[in-house]
Structures are given as structure tokens and as C-alpha cells.
Protein backbone atom coordinates (compact mmCIF):
# COMPACT_ATOMS: atom_id res chain seq x y z
CA MET A 1 99.01 47.92 139.33
CA GLN A 2 97.72 47.08 135.82
CA LEU A 3 94.34 47.90 134.47
CA PHE A 4 92.52 45.27 132.15
CA PHE A 5 88.97 45.32 130.84
CA HIS A 6 86.59 42.52 129.57
CA ASP A 7 83.90 43.21 127.01
CA VAL A 8 81.18 40.71 128.38
CA GLY A 9 78.09 41.78 126.41
CA ILE A 10 74.43 42.25 127.67
CA LYS A 11 73.71 38.47 127.36
CA GLY A 12 76.48 37.18 129.62
CA ALA A 13 76.26 40.27 131.92
CA ASN A 14 72.63 39.75 132.53
CA SER A 15 72.99 36.11 133.16
CA ASP A 16 76.23 35.86 135.11
CA PHE A 17 76.93 39.13 136.88
CA PRO A 18 74.00 38.42 139.39
CA LYS A 19 75.64 34.97 140.18
CA THR A 20 79.43 35.98 140.78
CA VAL A 21 80.08 39.72 140.34
CA PHE A 22 77.19 41.25 142.27
CA GLY A 23 76.44 38.05 144.19
CA ASP A 24 78.82 36.37 146.63
CA VAL A 25 80.15 32.78 146.29
CA ALA A 26 81.08 30.62 149.19
CA ILE A 27 84.86 29.79 149.44
CA ALA A 28 84.10 26.29 150.58
CA ASP A 29 82.12 25.72 147.16
CA ILE A 30 85.11 27.29 145.29
CA VAL A 31 87.68 25.08 146.94
CA GLU A 32 85.77 21.88 146.37
CA ARG A 33 85.54 22.35 142.61
CA CYS A 34 89.36 23.20 142.21
CA PRO A 35 92.09 20.84 141.31
CA ILE A 36 93.23 18.77 144.33
CA HIS A 37 96.86 19.85 144.04
CA LEU A 38 95.70 23.63 144.53
CA GLN A 39 92.92 23.05 147.04
CA ALA A 40 94.96 23.74 150.21
CA GLU A 41 96.78 26.67 148.67
CA ILE A 42 93.57 28.18 147.32
CA GLU A 43 91.70 27.63 150.62
CA ASN A 44 94.36 29.31 152.67
CA ALA A 45 94.75 32.29 150.29
CA LEU A 46 91.08 32.96 149.87
CA ASN A 47 90.24 32.71 153.59
CA ASN A 48 93.12 35.07 154.43
CA GLU A 49 91.82 37.56 151.81
CA PHE A 50 88.19 37.06 152.58
CA PRO A 51 87.81 35.98 156.22
CA GLU A 52 84.04 36.24 156.08
CA GLY A 53 84.07 33.16 153.83
CA TRP A 54 82.56 34.81 150.72
CA CYS A 55 83.98 36.62 147.56
CA ASN A 56 83.25 37.65 144.03
CA VAL A 57 84.46 35.73 141.14
CA TRP A 58 84.98 36.26 137.35
CA GLY A 59 86.55 34.14 134.64
CA VAL A 60 87.56 34.64 131.09
CA PRO A 61 87.79 32.11 128.08
CA GLU A 62 90.73 30.05 127.13
CA GLY A 63 91.32 32.27 123.96
CA ALA A 64 92.09 35.25 126.37
CA LYS A 65 95.05 33.36 128.11
CA SER A 66 97.75 35.27 126.69
CA ILE A 67 96.42 38.45 127.99
CA ILE A 68 95.01 37.15 131.24
CA ARG A 69 98.19 35.45 132.37
CA GLN A 70 99.74 38.97 132.61
CA LEU A 71 97.22 39.55 135.21
CA SER A 72 98.55 39.69 138.99
CA VAL A 73 97.20 40.10 142.49
CA ASP A 74 96.52 43.81 142.89
CA ASP A 75 95.63 44.46 139.33
CA VAL A 76 92.16 45.74 138.32
CA MET A 77 89.65 44.33 135.78
CA LEU A 78 86.76 46.38 134.48
CA LEU A 79 83.79 44.64 133.17
CA ILE A 80 81.85 45.97 130.32
CA LYS A 81 78.23 45.15 130.22
CA THR A 82 77.55 46.61 126.65
CA THR A 83 79.42 48.96 124.17
CA GLY A 84 76.21 49.86 122.43
CA GLY A 85 75.20 53.47 122.79
CA ASN A 86 77.13 55.01 125.61
CA GLY A 87 77.70 51.68 127.10
CA GLU A 88 77.84 50.41 130.68
CA MET A 89 80.88 49.49 132.59
CA PRO A 90 79.30 48.71 136.14
CA ALA A 91 81.93 46.56 137.76
CA LEU A 92 85.46 47.18 139.07
CA CYS A 93 87.28 44.03 140.18
CA HIS A 94 90.44 44.63 142.36
CA VAL A 95 92.04 41.18 142.10
CA ARG A 96 93.01 39.73 145.41
CA SER A 97 93.78 36.16 144.23
CA PHE A 98 94.36 34.47 140.97
CA TRP A 99 96.13 31.17 139.79
CA LYS A 100 97.44 31.15 136.16
CA GLU A 101 96.07 27.66 135.75
CA PRO A 102 92.64 26.63 134.19
CA LEU A 103 90.01 25.91 136.67
CA LEU A 104 87.68 23.93 134.38
CA ASP A 105 85.39 22.29 137.07
CA LEU A 106 84.97 25.66 138.94
CA SER A 107 83.93 27.36 135.77
CA ASP A 108 81.46 24.73 134.98
CA PHE A 109 79.97 25.07 138.59
CA LEU A 110 79.82 28.86 138.48
CA TRP A 111 78.64 29.48 134.96
CA GLY A 112 77.30 26.01 133.66
CA SER A 113 80.26 25.84 131.09
CA SER A 114 83.85 25.08 131.31
CA HIS A 115 84.64 27.76 128.71
CA PHE A 116 85.84 30.36 131.27
CA PRO A 117 88.67 28.51 133.11
CA TYR A 118 90.96 31.55 133.92
CA ILE A 119 89.25 32.75 137.14
CA PHE A 120 90.18 35.47 139.52
CA PHE A 121 88.79 36.44 143.00
CA PHE A 122 87.82 39.85 144.36
CA LYS A 123 85.32 42.05 146.10
CA THR A 124 83.31 44.00 143.39
CA LYS A 125 83.21 47.85 143.54
CA PRO A 126 80.23 49.04 141.56
CA ILE A 127 81.10 52.16 139.51
CA ASN A 128 79.45 54.71 137.31
CA LEU A 129 81.49 54.40 134.08
CA THR A 130 80.33 54.31 130.48
CA TRP A 131 82.29 52.72 127.58
CA PHE A 132 82.01 56.18 125.78
CA GLN A 133 83.73 57.84 128.74
CA PHE A 134 86.32 55.13 129.34
CA LYS A 135 87.35 55.43 125.60
CA GLN A 136 87.92 59.14 126.23
CA ASP A 137 89.81 58.44 129.39
CA VAL A 138 92.26 55.88 127.88
CA GLN A 139 92.52 57.86 124.53
CA TYR A 140 91.08 55.05 122.30
CA LEU A 141 89.50 56.15 118.99
CA PRO A 142 85.70 56.62 118.97
CA LYS A 143 85.25 53.73 116.54
CA PHE A 144 87.14 51.10 118.70
CA ARG A 145 85.21 48.09 119.52
CA PRO A 146 86.60 45.49 121.97
CA ALA A 147 84.42 42.63 120.34
CA GLY A 148 84.10 40.42 123.34
CA ASN A 149 87.97 40.39 124.11
CA VAL A 150 90.07 41.05 127.14
CA TYR A 151 92.66 43.82 126.90
CA ARG A 152 95.38 45.35 129.02
CA VAL A 153 95.48 49.21 128.94
CA LYS A 154 99.06 50.60 128.63
CA SER A 155 100.08 52.74 131.70
CA ASP A 156 101.05 55.70 129.46
CA ARG A 157 97.45 56.05 128.52
CA LEU A 158 96.56 56.88 132.15
CA GLU A 159 99.29 59.41 132.50
CA SER A 160 96.73 62.35 133.04
CA PHE A 161 95.35 60.36 135.97
CA GLY A 162 98.61 59.58 137.61
CA GLY A 163 98.77 56.03 136.04
CA PRO A 164 96.50 53.08 136.85
CA GLU A 165 96.28 53.59 140.56
CA GLY A 166 95.18 57.29 139.97
CA TYR A 167 92.57 56.17 137.53
CA VAL A 168 91.13 53.53 139.88
CA LYS A 169 91.08 56.05 142.69
CA HIS A 170 89.30 58.45 140.34
CA LEU A 171 86.74 55.92 139.48
CA THR A 172 86.02 54.74 142.94
CA GLN A 173 86.18 58.02 144.77
CA CYS A 174 84.96 60.40 142.22
CA GLY A 175 83.43 58.66 139.31
CA TYR A 176 81.04 60.04 136.60
CA ASN A 177 77.34 60.97 136.72
CA ILE A 178 76.08 58.68 134.02
CA GLU A 179 72.58 60.24 134.14
CA ASN A 180 73.77 63.15 132.20
CA SER A 181 75.06 60.97 129.45
CA HIS A 182 73.39 61.06 126.04
CA SER A 183 71.03 58.26 125.15
CA PHE A 184 71.64 56.09 122.10
CA GLU A 185 70.12 53.01 120.64
CA ILE A 186 71.91 50.03 122.12
CA ARG A 187 73.42 47.61 119.38
CA GLU A 188 74.57 44.17 120.68
CA ASN A 189 77.73 42.62 119.65
CA SER A 190 77.45 39.11 118.09
CA PRO A 191 76.96 36.39 120.70
CA GLN A 192 79.77 34.39 118.93
CA GLN A 193 82.91 36.34 119.73
CA ASP A 194 86.48 35.09 118.86
CA TYR A 195 88.90 36.00 121.63
CA GLU A 196 92.24 34.96 120.18
CA GLU A 197 91.31 35.98 116.66
CA GLY A 198 90.40 39.56 117.97
CA GLU A 199 93.61 39.77 119.77
CA ARG A 200 95.58 38.60 116.76
CA HIS A 201 93.85 41.32 114.66
CA VAL A 202 94.78 43.93 117.18
CA ARG A 203 98.41 42.83 117.05
CA GLU A 204 98.48 43.04 113.22
CA SER A 205 96.80 46.55 113.12
CA TYR A 206 99.43 47.54 115.55
CA TYR A 207 102.21 45.92 113.44
CA PHE A 208 101.09 47.78 110.40
CA LYS A 209 100.70 51.26 112.18
CA ARG A 210 104.49 50.79 112.91
CA ASN A 211 105.24 49.79 109.50
CA ALA A 212 103.06 52.07 107.31
CA LYS A 213 105.63 52.15 104.54
CA LEU A 214 105.36 48.31 104.20
CA VAL A 215 101.53 48.75 103.78
CA GLN A 216 101.96 51.37 101.03
CA ASP A 217 104.60 49.46 99.26
CA ALA A 218 102.53 46.36 99.11
CA LYS A 219 99.46 48.28 97.79
CA ASN A 220 101.99 49.67 95.18
CA LYS A 221 103.08 46.20 94.13
CA TYR A 222 100.00 44.08 94.51
CA GLY A 223 97.36 46.76 93.57
CA PHE A 224 93.85 46.94 95.08
CA LYS A 225 92.28 43.66 94.13
CA CYS A 226 91.94 41.09 96.72
CA GLN A 227 94.66 38.49 95.98
CA ILE A 228 92.40 35.75 97.36
CA CYS A 229 88.82 36.29 95.74
CA GLY A 230 89.53 39.02 93.31
CA PHE A 231 87.20 41.58 94.81
CA ASP A 232 87.70 45.22 93.72
CA PHE A 233 86.37 47.80 95.89
CA GLU A 234 86.43 50.57 93.08
CA SER A 235 84.58 48.49 90.72
CA PHE A 236 81.89 47.47 93.15
CA TYR A 237 81.42 50.68 95.08
CA GLY A 238 82.61 53.30 92.55
CA ALA A 239 85.69 55.43 92.49
CA GLU A 240 84.39 58.06 94.96
CA ILE A 241 84.50 55.72 98.02
CA GLY A 242 86.15 52.58 96.74
CA SER A 243 89.35 53.87 95.03
CA GLY A 244 92.62 52.95 96.68
CA PHE A 245 90.85 50.70 99.25
CA ILE A 246 92.28 47.25 100.24
CA GLU A 247 93.48 45.71 103.42
CA CYS A 248 96.85 44.38 104.24
CA HIS A 249 97.35 40.96 105.86
CA HIS A 250 100.54 39.62 107.45
CA LYS A 251 101.14 35.89 106.65
CA ASN A 252 103.39 35.31 109.55
CA PRO A 253 101.58 36.01 112.81
CA LEU A 254 104.68 35.42 115.00
CA SER A 255 106.58 38.23 113.20
CA GLU A 256 104.07 40.80 114.93
CA LYS A 257 105.15 39.90 118.35
CA ASP A 258 108.70 40.80 117.69
CA GLU A 259 109.56 44.49 117.68
CA ASN A 260 112.71 44.00 115.68
CA TYR A 261 111.43 41.71 112.99
CA LYS A 262 112.07 43.12 109.42
CA SER A 263 109.24 42.19 107.12
CA THR A 264 109.43 42.11 103.25
CA LEU A 265 106.63 42.21 100.70
CA ASP A 266 106.76 38.47 100.44
CA ASP A 267 105.52 38.34 103.99
CA VAL A 268 102.18 40.33 103.25
CA CYS A 269 99.37 40.21 100.87
CA VAL A 270 96.35 42.37 100.08
CA VAL A 271 92.84 41.21 100.78
CA CYS A 272 89.30 42.34 100.90
CA SER A 273 87.59 42.69 104.23
CA ASN A 274 85.71 39.49 103.99
CA CYS A 275 88.79 37.40 103.10
CA HIS A 276 90.57 39.00 105.94
CA ARG A 277 88.12 38.15 108.52
CA ILE A 278 87.85 34.56 107.31
CA LEU A 279 91.77 34.11 107.47
CA HIS A 280 91.40 34.91 111.21
CA ARG A 281 88.51 32.79 111.78
CA THR A 282 91.05 29.75 112.44
CA LYS A 283 93.95 29.60 115.14
CA PRO A 284 96.57 30.16 113.96
CA ALA A 285 95.34 32.34 111.01
CA MET A 286 94.58 30.44 107.89
CA LYS A 287 97.29 30.54 105.10
CA PRO A 288 96.09 32.71 102.11
CA GLU A 289 96.91 29.64 100.00
CA GLU A 290 94.58 27.41 101.89
CA LEU A 291 91.73 29.86 101.61
CA ILE A 292 92.35 30.18 97.84
CA GLU A 293 92.11 26.37 97.54
CA ARG A 294 88.79 26.39 99.62
CA LEU A 295 87.36 28.88 97.24
CA ARG A 296 88.49 26.97 94.29
CA ARG A 297 86.51 23.92 95.51
CA THR A 298 83.61 26.09 96.26
CA ILE A 299 83.09 28.28 93.44
CA GLY A 300 85.73 26.99 90.99
CA ALA A 301 87.83 30.09 89.98
CA PRO A 302 89.45 32.08 92.68
CA THR A 303 92.36 34.41 92.06
CA VAL A 304 95.71 32.92 92.45
CA LEU A 305 97.93 34.72 95.02
CA SER A 306 100.35 36.65 93.02
CA LYS A 307 103.76 38.12 93.82
CA THR A 308 104.16 40.25 90.87
């Protein structure tokens, strides 16, 4: 068993949870909207799993396919309604059927859009779990925000519960009393979330965590001015909070997937937070030189990316 979670957000949860997570969907309606070459297989599988003829359904966007394709039957997906305040994670989805193929017509039928084509089938287990508690359980940093993405939780983060199976048992048999949780103001995530870019950013952060010396050497070589727009945190915010701050960007996203890849200083650059986010607005990430050229056309005088 593997454990996944999907940050849905209040807007999506309020509109879609009642339809397919806490509301049943007829297997006959599902089969009718599936590709012809899969209809017989899906009909047999779903009828075997859900002989009463109904099940619960959830789907994730195309941008999450590199994660969702790791999903298998018997895995569990937790759905997050919101990460604001303590957050709400009301649904546990124990996957009983899943085809690693986009089901565009079914997505459009279920949610009025073909944007959620990776669809899995289950019976929902309502749970009492908060995002605040979940972060403690899986040992995430308090400031971590999933930003609309789908994630897989590494098994070693659940060792204290006896692995994913033990954690799921804990949630379904013991759970938490969320009435005793502290109350906070709920702040919504942006309704426009970028799944693949978010995943890419997590990979990059993990890559640099493993290669801290590369980050330090890049700062020593390139300094603390953004190599794209020239922004200087110290000059703008003052030395007390701005000194020594800059972000490191890997220009080759494929290298982050290879544990044995040896980067050099030519593979990275230092950038401000704004430029860093803009680089990740495209898939694959935009080349720094391209963003420099865009700035040149827009404002006339960007910084030239320097290797000295």
C-alpha cells in the first residue's frame, strides 16, 4: 500500500465532493463514458468490486500524471478540502480500480470538464483529520503548502505508525477529535494552480537539499543579485533581512531525476523569487536566457546572465 494526497481546495471540494466523493455514481453511467476498448474491462472490474452498482469517483489533472501513474489498486488517496487554518482532510479513498489512461469523456460527464482525466474508483471513508495534524504525522515542515498538487508520501515518514497500512488503520479506527483543534482564519489557495510546475519545484528543492554545497558555491560565484532581472534583496529590504538571500535555479530539470547526476556551476544560476516562479510557469521550465530576452523586449534593460 502507498499513501497519496491531493490538495483540492475549498472551491473544488464544495462543488465536486457532493457529486462523486460523498455521492454515489452509477457504474452504468461510468462505463458509457469510457473509451470503447476499455468498456468491457471496466464494467467487469467495477461490477466485481461494487456489486450494488454504485461507487465513488475522483480524478486529477493531466499535470499530475507522473505522480498518479504510480497509483495502484489498494493504495489510499487522502483528499484535502483546504490547508487554511487547521485545514480539513475529510475523505479517505481506498482505491479499488484504476486505469492509467486518460478518461476524458468521463471527466467531462462527472465534473463538467475534461481537465481531470486520471480517474480512480473507491468507496469513500469519511475521516476526522486536519492538514495541521497530517503534517505532524508525516513529518512535514509547518510551512509546507501542497499548492493544489498530488503527492505520494514516502513510507519511511510513516514508520511510527507501522507504515502506510498502520496509518490508514489509525485514521479509520482511531482518528482524531478535530473539535479540540485551534481555530484559525482560513486563507484560500489561488484558484489557478500549476500541478506539473509545482511538482517540478519540489524536485528542484529536494535536489538542492542533497547538494547544499552546489548552492553555496553558486552564491559565492554569482553573488546575490538576480542574474535575470538584477534584483538585489539587500538593497531593497536592507541588510538585516535581505543580506545573503537569493534562490538557486537548476537549468536542467532532467538532471534532478537522476540521483547520480553530477551538476556543475554551469548548470545553475541565482535568481530572485519572482523570476524563479516565472521560470516555472512553463512546461518544461523556461530557459533563463529566454526570460532575459522577454524582459529586454518589455523593459529594455535586463541583466545579462553571467558565468563569472
